[in-house]
Amino acid sequence: MVALSDEAIFEEVVVTTRRAFPTVPDLRVIERPGWMQIITPSVKSGALNEVSFSALADEEADAIIDATIAEYRALGLRFRWSVGPGSAPADLGARLERRGLVASWGRGMARETAELPTNVDPAVSIEEVDARTVDVFSRVMAEGWNLDRTPIANVNDVILASPDRRQRLFLARCHDEPAAVASYVAFPRSAYLIGGVVLPQFRGLGLYRALVRARISHAHARGIALATSHARDATSAPILERLGFATICSYPMYFG
């Protein structure tokens, strides 16, 4: 595998990951210079509804912000607005907060996909999800994130049916009980780790770390050189740091 330059790693963490969404039937992608947004009316929970990049001229920012928020709210959708590197105007976050959006800080992170042991506890097992186990995966995902199961299950069915198999789903069991889930989206140069959640009764047992290791090893076996993730400062970022991930950027996300 060829090592990536710092510039290429930044590109994979910040730009490439904007296209990690599955192509569910009602998803709309709004893309233009300085703008990347997705809207999915069937998913009310906040997933697949995001402004992932916005570099706006000062004089037009307020009108675009108001129109964007109004559309999500008219559809009854929770959403997030990422204010990552390159966002504009400089006070974009403050403008979003004035409209009632709530900030949470995250980090774009990366590490090489060197081989790691997939399990350290014999009670923990990791399996890639297929048609036989996707219902269990969706149930654990919905329970772990406190989401409505039906739209989540529909999205996961689309992911499994996709001919390119770009997104891979993983289920962790503890003493044979479904306990945690995660996935990653494969790009030519990187594997974007997303969606990791552990059911409350199984937290603190190393399941999140085991899922990180399993996804890194799976990507490595496919010849992908880099693993990336966008992690919350307060939860998963410190765990990823202990597993060798470096912080490439820090940025606020605003939830509405």
C-alpha atoms as a PDB file:
ATOM      1  CA  MET A   1       0.000   0.000   0.000  1.00  0.00           C
ATOM      2  CA  VAL A   2       1.205   3.491  -0.851  1.00  0.00           C
ATOM      3  CA  ALA A   3       1.385   5.946   2.048  1.00  0.00           C
ATOM      4  CA  LEU A   4      -0.692   9.070   1.499  1.00  0.00           C
ATOM      5  CA  SER A   5       0.638  12.622   1.794  1.00  0.00           C
ATOM      6  CA  ASP A   6      -0.686  14.977   4.458  1.00  0.00           C
ATOM      7  CA  GLU A   7      -2.685  16.783   1.776  1.00  0.00           C
ATOM      8  CA  ALA A   8      -4.242  13.532   0.562  1.00  0.00           C
ATOM      9  CA  ILE A   9      -5.145  12.490   4.117  1.00  0.00           C
ATOM     10  CA  PHE A  10      -6.830  15.843   4.679  1.00  0.00           C
ATOM     11  CA  GLU A  11      -8.783  15.369   1.445  1.00  0.00           C
ATOM     12  CA  GLU A  12      -9.944  11.912   2.513  1.00  0.00           C
ATOM     13  CA  VAL A  13     -11.003  13.068   5.979  1.00  0.00           C
ATOM     14  CA  VAL A  14     -12.665  16.364   5.051  1.00  0.00           C
ATOM     15  CA  VAL A  15     -13.885  16.137   1.447  1.00  0.00           C
ATOM     16  CA  THR A  16     -14.256  12.482   0.483  1.00  0.00           C
ATOM     17  CA  THR A  17     -16.407  11.660   3.515  1.00  0.00           C
ATOM     18  CA  ARG A  18     -19.095  14.102   2.339  1.00  0.00           C
ATOM     19  CA  ARG A  19     -20.163  11.406  -0.136  1.00  0.00           C
ATOM     20  CA  ALA A  20     -20.595   8.572   2.348  1.00  0.00           C
ATOM     21  CA  PHE A  21     -24.396   8.463   2.097  1.00  0.00           C
ATOM     22  CA  PRO A  22     -26.287   5.485   0.622  1.00  0.00           C
ATOM     23  CA  THR A  23     -28.521   6.219  -2.355  1.00  0.00           C
ATOM     24  CA  VAL A  24     -31.934   5.566  -0.809  1.00  0.00           C
ATOM     25  CA  PRO A  25     -34.843   6.261  -3.185  1.00  0.00           C
ATOM     26  CA  ASP A  26     -35.973   9.625  -1.788  1.00  0.00           C
ATOM     27  CA  LEU A  27     -32.540  11.084  -1.014  1.00  0.00           C
ATOM     28  CA  ARG A  28     -31.813  14.429  -2.689  1.00  0.00           C
ATOM     29  CA  VAL A  29     -28.274  15.738  -3.150  1.00  0.00           C
ATOM     30  CA  ILE A  30     -27.928  19.500  -3.528  1.00  0.00           C
ATOM     31  CA  GLU A  31     -24.436  20.333  -4.733  1.00  0.00           C
ATOM     32  CA  ARG A  32     -22.986  23.505  -6.179  1.00  0.00           C
ATOM     33  CA  PRO A  33     -19.739  25.466  -5.715  1.00  0.00           C
ATOM     34  CA  GLY A  34     -19.351  26.101  -1.986  1.00  0.00           C
ATOM     35  CA  TRP A  35     -22.291  23.880  -1.024  1.00  0.00           C
ATOM     36  CA  MET A  36     -23.046  20.197  -0.270  1.00  0.00           C
ATOM     37  CA  GLN A  37     -26.343  19.097   1.285  1.00  0.00           C
ATOM     38  CA  ILE A  38     -28.529  16.002   1.496  1.00  0.00           C
ATOM     39  CA  ILE A  39     -32.259  15.761   2.269  1.00  0.00           C
ATOM     40  CA  THR A  40     -34.051  12.472   2.932  1.00  0.00           C
ATOM     41  CA  PRO A  41     -37.736  12.972   3.859  1.00  0.00           C
ATOM     42  CA  SER A  42     -38.271   9.332   4.887  1.00  0.00           C
ATOM     43  CA  VAL A  43     -35.636   9.522   7.660  1.00  0.00           C
ATOM     44  CA  LYS A  44     -36.892  11.903  10.348  1.00  0.00           C
ATOM     45  CA  SER A  45     -34.226  11.182  12.967  1.00  0.00           C
ATOM     46  CA  GLY A  46     -31.393  13.332  11.604  1.00  0.00           C
ATOM     47  CA  ALA A  47     -29.486  10.688   9.664  1.00  0.00           C
ATOM     48  CA  LEU A  48     -29.136  11.472   5.939  1.00  0.00           C
ATOM     49  CA  ASN A  49     -30.176  15.078   6.466  1.00  0.00           C
ATOM     50  CA  GLU A  50     -27.160  17.342   6.583  1.00  0.00           C
ATOM     51  CA  VAL A  51     -25.398  20.391   5.237  1.00  0.00           C
ATOM     52  CA  SER A  52     -21.912  18.915   5.030  1.00  0.00           C
ATOM     53  CA  PHE A  53     -20.223  21.930   3.442  1.00  0.00           C
ATOM     54  CA  SER A  54     -21.183  25.591   3.147  1.00  0.00           C
ATOM     55  CA  ALA A  55     -18.897  28.404   2.019  1.00  0.00           C
ATOM     56  CA  LEU A  56     -21.291  31.336   1.682  1.00  0.00           C
ATOM     57  CA  ALA A  57     -20.761  34.972   0.795  1.00  0.00           C
ATOM     58  CA  ASP A  58     -21.506  37.217   3.754  1.00  0.00           C
ATOM     59  CA  GLU A  59     -24.295  39.096   2.022  1.00  0.00           C
ATOM     60  CA  GLU A  60     -26.209  35.946   1.024  1.00  0.00           C
ATOM     61  CA  ALA A  61     -25.554  33.765   4.068  1.00  0.00           C
ATOM     62  CA  ASP A  62     -28.587  34.721   6.156  1.00  0.00           C
ATOM     63  CA  ALA A  63     -31.062  34.131   3.354  1.00  0.00           C
ATOM     64  CA  ILE A  64     -29.576  30.724   2.500  1.00  0.00           C
ATOM     65  CA  ILE A  65     -29.429  29.684   6.170  1.00  0.00           C
ATOM     66  CA  ASP A  66     -33.065  30.654   6.708  1.00  0.00           C
ATOM     67  CA  ALA A  67     -34.274  28.879   3.576  1.00  0.00           C
ATOM     68  CA  THR A  68     -32.318  25.719   4.378  1.00  0.00           C
ATOM     69  CA  ILE A  69     -33.538  25.480   7.968  1.00  0.00           C
ATOM     70  CA  ALA A  70     -37.106  26.245   6.884  1.00  0.00           C
ATOM     71  CA  GLU A  71     -37.093  23.392   4.373  1.00  0.00           C
ATOM     72  CA  TYR A  72     -35.877  20.827   6.895  1.00  0.00           C
ATOM     73  CA  ARG A  73     -38.402  22.029   9.472  1.00  0.00           C
ATOM     74  CA  ALA A  74     -41.278  22.043   6.973  1.00  0.00           C
ATOM     75  CA  LEU A  75     -40.519  18.384   6.266  1.00  0.00           C
ATOM     76  CA  GLY A  76     -40.363  17.582   9.985  1.00  0.00           C
ATOM     77  CA  LEU A  77     -36.735  16.483   9.783  1.00  0.00           C
ATOM     78  CA  ARG A  78     -33.985  16.640  12.343  1.00  0.00           C
ATOM     79  CA  PHE A  79     -30.723  17.639  10.676  1.00  0.00           C
ATOM     80  CA  ARG A  80     -27.165  18.730  11.263  1.00  0.00           C
ATOM     81  CA  TRP A  81     -24.983  21.442   9.804  1.00  0.00           C
ATOM     82  CA  SER A  82     -21.253  20.747   9.820  1.00  0.00           C
ATOM     83  CA  VAL A  83     -18.990  23.813  10.022  1.00  0.00           C
ATOM     84  CA  GLY A  84     -15.724  22.216   9.005  1.00  0.00           C
ATOM     85  CA  PRO A  85     -12.554  23.559   7.378  1.00  0.00           C
ATOM     86  CA  GLY A  86     -13.273  26.015   4.598  1.00  0.00           C
ATOM     87  CA  SER A  87     -16.705  27.010   5.874  1.00  0.00           C
ATOM     88  CA  ALA A  88     -17.789  30.637   5.509  1.00  0.00           C
ATOM     89  CA  PRO A  89     -18.627  33.242   6.590  1.00  0.00           C
ATOM     90  CA  ALA A  90     -16.370  33.320   9.637  1.00  0.00           C
ATOM     91  CA  ASP A  91     -19.335  33.711  11.987  1.00  0.00           C
ATOM     92  CA  LEU A  92     -21.389  30.912  10.402  1.00  0.00           C
ATOM     93  CA  GLY A  93     -21.617  29.002  13.687  1.00  0.00           C
ATOM     94  CA  ALA A  94     -22.890  32.050  15.559  1.00  0.00           C
ATOM     95  CA  ARG A  95     -25.534  32.616  12.888  1.00  0.00           C
ATOM     96  CA  LEU A  96     -26.726  29.023  13.244  1.00  0.00           C
ATOM     97  CA  GLU A  97     -26.858  29.310  17.028  1.00  0.00           C
ATOM     98  CA  ARG A  98     -28.985  32.450  16.770  1.00  0.00           C
ATOM     99  CA  ARG A  99     -31.520  30.335  14.903  1.00  0.00           C
ATOM    100  CA  GLY A 100     -31.700  27.754  17.660  1.00  0.00           C
ATOM    101  CA  LEU A 101     -29.257  25.130  16.428  1.00  0.00           C
ATOM    102  CA  VAL A 102     -27.204  23.419  19.145  1.00  0.00           C
ATOM    103  CA  ALA A 103     -23.435  22.972  18.795  1.00  0.00           C
ATOM    104  CA  SER A 104     -21.423  19.813  19.439  1.00  0.00           C
ATOM    105  CA  TRP A 105     -17.711  19.535  18.717  1.00  0.00           C
ATOM    106  CA  GLY A 106     -16.182  16.745  16.721  1.00  0.00           C
ATOM    107  CA  ARG A 107     -12.900  15.710  15.167  1.00  0.00           C
ATOM    108  CA  GLY A 108     -11.906  14.419  11.751  1.00  0.00           C
ATOM    109  CA  MET A 109      -9.465  11.590  12.456  1.00  0.00           C
ATOM    110  CA  ALA A 110      -7.336   9.114  10.527  1.00  0.00           C
ATOM    111  CA  ARG A 111      -4.844   6.281  10.853  1.00  0.00           C
ATOM    112  CA  GLU A 112      -3.207   3.711   8.595  1.00  0.00           C
ATOM    113  CA  THR A 113      -5.014   0.405   8.256  1.00  0.00           C
ATOM    114  CA  ALA A 114      -2.228  -1.674   9.750  1.00  0.00           C
ATOM    115  CA  GLU A 115      -3.386  -5.064  10.911  1.00  0.00           C
ATOM    116  CA  LEU A 116      -4.896  -5.172  14.393  1.00  0.00           C
ATOM    117  CA  PRO A 117      -6.281  -8.122  16.355  1.00  0.00           C
ATOM    118  CA  THR A 118     -10.037  -8.188  15.791  1.00  0.00           C
ATOM    119  CA  ASN A 119     -10.950  -9.488  19.246  1.00  0.00           C
ATOM    120  CA  VAL A 120      -9.318  -9.386  22.652  1.00  0.00           C
ATOM    121  CA  ASP A 121     -12.145 -10.953  24.686  1.00  0.00           C
ATOM    122  CA  PRO A 122     -13.309 -14.469  23.764  1.00  0.00           C
ATOM    123  CA  ALA A 123     -16.842 -13.492  24.828  1.00  0.00           C
ATOM    124  CA  VAL A 124     -16.948 -10.927  21.986  1.00  0.00           C
ATOM    125  CA  SER A 125     -17.498 -11.922  18.367  1.00  0.00           C
ATOM    126  CA  ILE A 126     -17.766  -9.753  15.257  1.00  0.00           C
ATOM    127  CA  GLU A 127     -19.560 -10.730  12.075  1.00  0.00           C
ATOM    128  CA  GLU A 128     -20.221  -8.972   8.794  1.00  0.00           C
ATOM    129  CA  VAL A 129     -23.929  -8.479   8.286  1.00  0.00           C
ATOM    130  CA  ASP A 130     -25.800 -10.162   5.450  1.00  0.00           C
ATOM    131  CA  ALA A 131     -29.442 -10.747   4.541  1.00  0.00           C
ATOM    132  CA  ARG A 132     -29.844 -13.220   7.411  1.00  0.00           C
ATOM    133  CA  THR A 133     -28.683 -10.818  10.102  1.00  0.00           C
ATOM    134  CA  VAL A 134     -29.664  -7.376   8.781  1.00  0.00           C
ATOM    135  CA  ASP A 135     -32.875  -7.357  10.854  1.00  0.00           C
ATOM    136  CA  VAL A 136     -30.856  -7.921  14.029  1.00  0.00           C
ATOM    137  CA  PHE A 137     -28.403  -5.204  12.960  1.00  0.00           C
ATOM    138  CA  SER A 138     -31.246  -2.740  12.384  1.00  0.00           C
ATOM    139  CA  ARG A 139     -32.854  -3.547  15.718  1.00  0.00           C
ATOM    140  CA  VAL A 140     -29.626  -2.983  17.648  1.00  0.00           C
ATOM    141  CA  MET A 141     -28.885   0.196  15.685  1.00  0.00           C
ATOM    142  CA  ALA A 142     -32.348   1.635  16.326  1.00  0.00           C
ATOM    143  CA  GLU A 143     -32.249   0.748  20.020  1.00  0.00           C
ATOM    144  CA  GLY A 144     -28.706   2.049  20.490  1.00  0.00           C
ATOM    145  CA  TRP A 145     -29.450   5.413  18.845  1.00  0.00           C
ATOM    146  CA  ASN A 146     -33.048   5.591  20.129  1.00  0.00           C
ATOM    147  CA  LEU A 147     -34.429   5.783  16.594  1.00  0.00           C
ATOM    148  CA  ASP A 148     -37.530   4.571  14.799  1.00  0.00           C
ATOM    149  CA  ARG A 149     -36.604   1.138  13.474  1.00  0.00           C
ATOM    150  CA  THR A 150     -38.574   1.144  10.199  1.00  0.00           C
ATOM    151  CA  PRO A 151     -36.691   3.860   8.250  1.00  0.00           C
ATOM    152  CA  ILE A 152     -33.375   2.587   9.595  1.00  0.00           C
ATOM    153  CA  ALA A 153     -34.217  -0.941   8.417  1.00  0.00           C
ATOM    154  CA  ASN A 154     -35.200   0.374   4.994  1.00  0.00           C
ATOM    155  CA  VAL A 155     -31.869   2.183   4.643  1.00  0.00           C
ATOM    156  CA  ASN A 156     -29.918  -0.900   5.705  1.00  0.00           C
ATOM    157  CA  ASP A 157     -31.811  -3.043   3.193  1.00  0.00           C
ATOM    158  CA  VAL A 158     -30.784  -0.586   0.451  1.00  0.00           C
ATOM    159  CA  ILE A 159     -27.154  -0.744   1.615  1.00  0.00           C
ATOM    160  CA  LEU A 160     -27.087  -4.546   1.435  1.00  0.00           C
ATOM    161  CA  ALA A 161     -28.786  -4.593  -1.967  1.00  0.00           C
ATOM    162  CA  SER A 162     -26.347  -2.101  -3.478  1.00  0.00           C
ATOM    163  CA  PRO A 163     -24.350  -3.837  -6.226  1.00  0.00           C
ATOM    164  CA  ASP A 164     -21.117  -2.029  -5.376  1.00  0.00           C
ATOM    165  CA  ARG A 165     -21.211  -3.135  -1.695  1.00  0.00           C
ATOM    166  CA  ARG A 166     -19.501   0.143  -0.858  1.00  0.00           C
ATOM    167  CA  GLN A 167     -20.802   0.165   2.721  1.00  0.00           C
ATOM    168  CA  ARG A 168     -20.091  -2.809   4.970  1.00  0.00           C
ATOM    169  CA  LEU A 169     -22.134  -3.494   8.111  1.00  0.00           C
ATOM    170  CA  PHE A 170     -20.831  -5.264  11.231  1.00  0.00           C
ATOM    171  CA  LEU A 171     -22.594  -6.765  14.236  1.00  0.00           C
ATOM    172  CA  ALA A 172     -20.884  -7.449  17.562  1.00  0.00           C
ATOM    173  CA  ARG A 173     -22.162 -10.070  19.976  1.00  0.00           C
ATOM    174  CA  CYS A 174     -21.277 -10.524  23.623  1.00  0.00           C
ATOM    175  CA  HIS A 175     -21.857 -14.029  24.934  1.00  0.00           C
ATOM    176  CA  ASP A 176     -23.843 -14.563  21.713  1.00  0.00           C
ATOM    177  CA  GLU A 177     -26.194 -11.658  22.488  1.00  0.00           C
ATOM    178  CA  PRO A 178     -26.448  -8.888  19.848  1.00  0.00           C
ATOM    179  CA  ALA A 179     -24.749  -5.968  21.567  1.00  0.00           C
ATOM    180  CA  ALA A 180     -23.308  -3.375  19.168  1.00  0.00           C
ATOM    181  CA  VAL A 181     -23.146  -2.338  15.520  1.00  0.00           C
ATOM    182  CA  ALA A 182     -20.982  -0.255  13.204  1.00  0.00           C
ATOM    183  CA  SER A 183     -20.161   0.121   9.517  1.00  0.00           C
ATOM    184  CA  TYR A 184     -17.698   1.652   7.120  1.00  0.00           C
ATOM    185  CA  VAL A 185     -17.911   3.147   3.645  1.00  0.00           C
ATOM    186  CA  ALA A 186     -15.148   2.137   1.255  1.00  0.00           C
ATOM    187  CA  PHE A 187     -13.603   4.760  -1.004  1.00  0.00           C
ATOM    188  CA  PRO A 188     -10.650   4.113  -3.349  1.00  0.00           C
ATOM    189  CA  ARG A 189      -8.104   5.484  -0.865  1.00  0.00           C
ATOM    190  CA  SER A 190      -9.863   5.302   2.496  1.00  0.00           C
ATOM    191  CA  ALA A 191     -12.400   3.515   4.668  1.00  0.00           C
ATOM    192  CA  TYR A 192     -14.752   5.866   6.512  1.00  0.00           C
ATOM    193  CA  LEU A 193     -15.794   4.389   9.855  1.00  0.00           C
ATOM    194  CA  ILE A 194     -19.343   5.395  10.833  1.00  0.00           C
ATOM    195  CA  GLY A 195     -22.365   4.398  12.886  1.00  0.00           C
ATOM    196  CA  GLY A 196     -20.734   2.718  15.881  1.00  0.00           C
ATOM    197  CA  VAL A 197     -23.085   2.269  18.832  1.00  0.00           C
ATOM    198  CA  VAL A 198     -23.159  -0.114  21.797  1.00  0.00           C
ATOM    199  CA  LEU A 199     -26.321  -1.011  23.695  1.00  0.00           C
ATOM    200  CA  PRO A 200     -26.258   0.480  27.214  1.00  0.00           C
ATOM    201  CA  GLN A 201     -26.123  -2.843  29.037  1.00  0.00           C
ATOM    202  CA  PHE A 202     -22.978  -3.861  27.132  1.00  0.00           C
ATOM    203  CA  ARG A 203     -20.977  -0.654  27.405  1.00  0.00           C
ATOM    204  CA  GLY A 204     -17.549  -0.721  29.019  1.00  0.00           C
ATOM    205  CA  LEU A 205     -16.765  -4.220  27.719  1.00  0.00           C
ATOM    206  CA  GLY A 206     -14.585  -3.230  24.761  1.00  0.00           C
ATOM    207  CA  LEU A 207     -17.188  -3.754  22.023  1.00  0.00           C
ATOM    208  CA  TYR A 208     -16.675  -0.369  20.378  1.00  0.00           C
ATOM    209  CA  ARG A 209     -12.913  -0.966  20.218  1.00  0.00           C
ATOM    210  CA  ALA A 210     -13.470  -4.455  18.823  1.00  0.00           C
ATOM    211  CA  LEU A 211     -15.653  -3.045  16.045  1.00  0.00           C
ATOM    212  CA  VAL A 212     -13.011  -0.445  15.184  1.00  0.00           C
ATOM    213  CA  ARG A 213     -10.356  -3.150  14.939  1.00  0.00           C
ATOM    214  CA  ALA A 214     -12.603  -5.413  12.862  1.00  0.00           C
ATOM    215  CA  ARG A 215     -13.411  -2.681  10.337  1.00  0.00           C
ATOM    216  CA  ILE A 216      -9.780  -1.588  10.040  1.00  0.00           C
ATOM    217  CA  SER A 217      -8.678  -5.179   9.429  1.00  0.00           C
ATOM    218  CA  HIS A 218     -11.448  -5.735   6.875  1.00  0.00           C
ATOM    219  CA  ALA A 219     -10.477  -2.564   4.980  1.00  0.00           C
ATOM    220  CA  HIS A 220      -6.785  -3.500   5.133  1.00  0.00           C
ATOM    221  CA  ALA A 221      -7.551  -6.887   3.580  1.00  0.00           C
ATOM    222  CA  ARG A 222      -9.270  -5.066   0.696  1.00  0.00           C
ATOM    223  CA  GLY A 223      -6.133  -3.019   0.049  1.00  0.00           C
ATOM    224  CA  ILE A 224      -7.409   0.251   1.525  1.00  0.00           C
ATOM    225  CA  ALA A 225      -4.539   2.193   3.069  1.00  0.00           C
ATOM    226  CA  LEU A 226      -6.309   4.676   5.350  1.00  0.00           C
ATOM    227  CA  ALA A 227      -9.104   4.568   7.927  1.00  0.00           C
ATOM    228  CA  THR A 228     -10.963   7.803   8.667  1.00  0.00           C
ATOM    229  CA  SER A 229     -13.710   8.800  11.072  1.00  0.00           C
ATOM    230  CA  HIS A 230     -15.605  11.830  12.349  1.00  0.00           C
ATOM    231  CA  ALA A 231     -15.876  11.404  16.093  1.00  0.00           C
ATOM    232  CA  ARG A 232     -17.504  13.299  18.917  1.00  0.00           C
ATOM    233  CA  ASP A 233     -15.077  14.978  21.318  1.00  0.00           C
ATOM    234  CA  ALA A 234     -17.028  13.785  24.328  1.00  0.00           C
ATOM    235  CA  THR A 235     -17.448  10.123  23.366  1.00  0.00           C
ATOM    236  CA  SER A 236     -15.643   8.237  20.599  1.00  0.00           C
ATOM    237  CA  ALA A 237     -12.732  10.576  19.783  1.00  0.00           C
ATOM    238  CA  PRO A 238     -10.677   9.673  22.893  1.00  0.00           C
ATOM    239  CA  ILE A 239     -11.176   5.962  22.183  1.00  0.00           C
ATOM    240  CA  LEU A 240     -10.022   6.344  18.589  1.00  0.00           C
ATOM    241  CA  GLU A 241      -7.025   8.346  19.759  1.00  0.00           C
ATOM    242  CA  ARG A 242      -5.964   5.443  21.989  1.00  0.00           C
ATOM    243  CA  LEU A 243      -6.275   3.162  18.954  1.00  0.00           C
ATOM    244  CA  GLY A 244      -3.784   5.221  16.978  1.00  0.00           C
ATOM    245  CA  PHE A 245      -6.014   7.724  15.196  1.00  0.00           C
ATOM    246  CA  ALA A 246      -4.611  11.222  14.743  1.00  0.00           C
ATOM    247  CA  THR A 247      -6.791  14.321  14.796  1.00  0.00           C
ATOM    248  CA  ILE A 248      -6.700  16.007  11.373  1.00  0.00           C
ATOM    249  CA  CYS A 249      -9.191  18.768  12.182  1.00  0.00           C
ATOM    250  CA  SER A 250     -11.623  19.858  14.880  1.00  0.00           C
ATOM    251  CA  TYR A 251     -14.939  21.470  14.002  1.00  0.00           C
ATOM    252  CA  PRO A 252     -18.416  22.169  15.380  1.00  0.00           C
ATOM    253  CA  MET A 253     -21.603  20.501  14.196  1.00  0.00           C
ATOM    254  CA  TYR A 254     -24.938  22.224  14.748  1.00  0.00           C
ATOM    255  CA  PHE A 255     -28.096  20.211  15.299  1.00  0.00           C
ATOM    256  CA  GLY A 256     -31.599  21.331  14.544  1.00  0.00           C
END
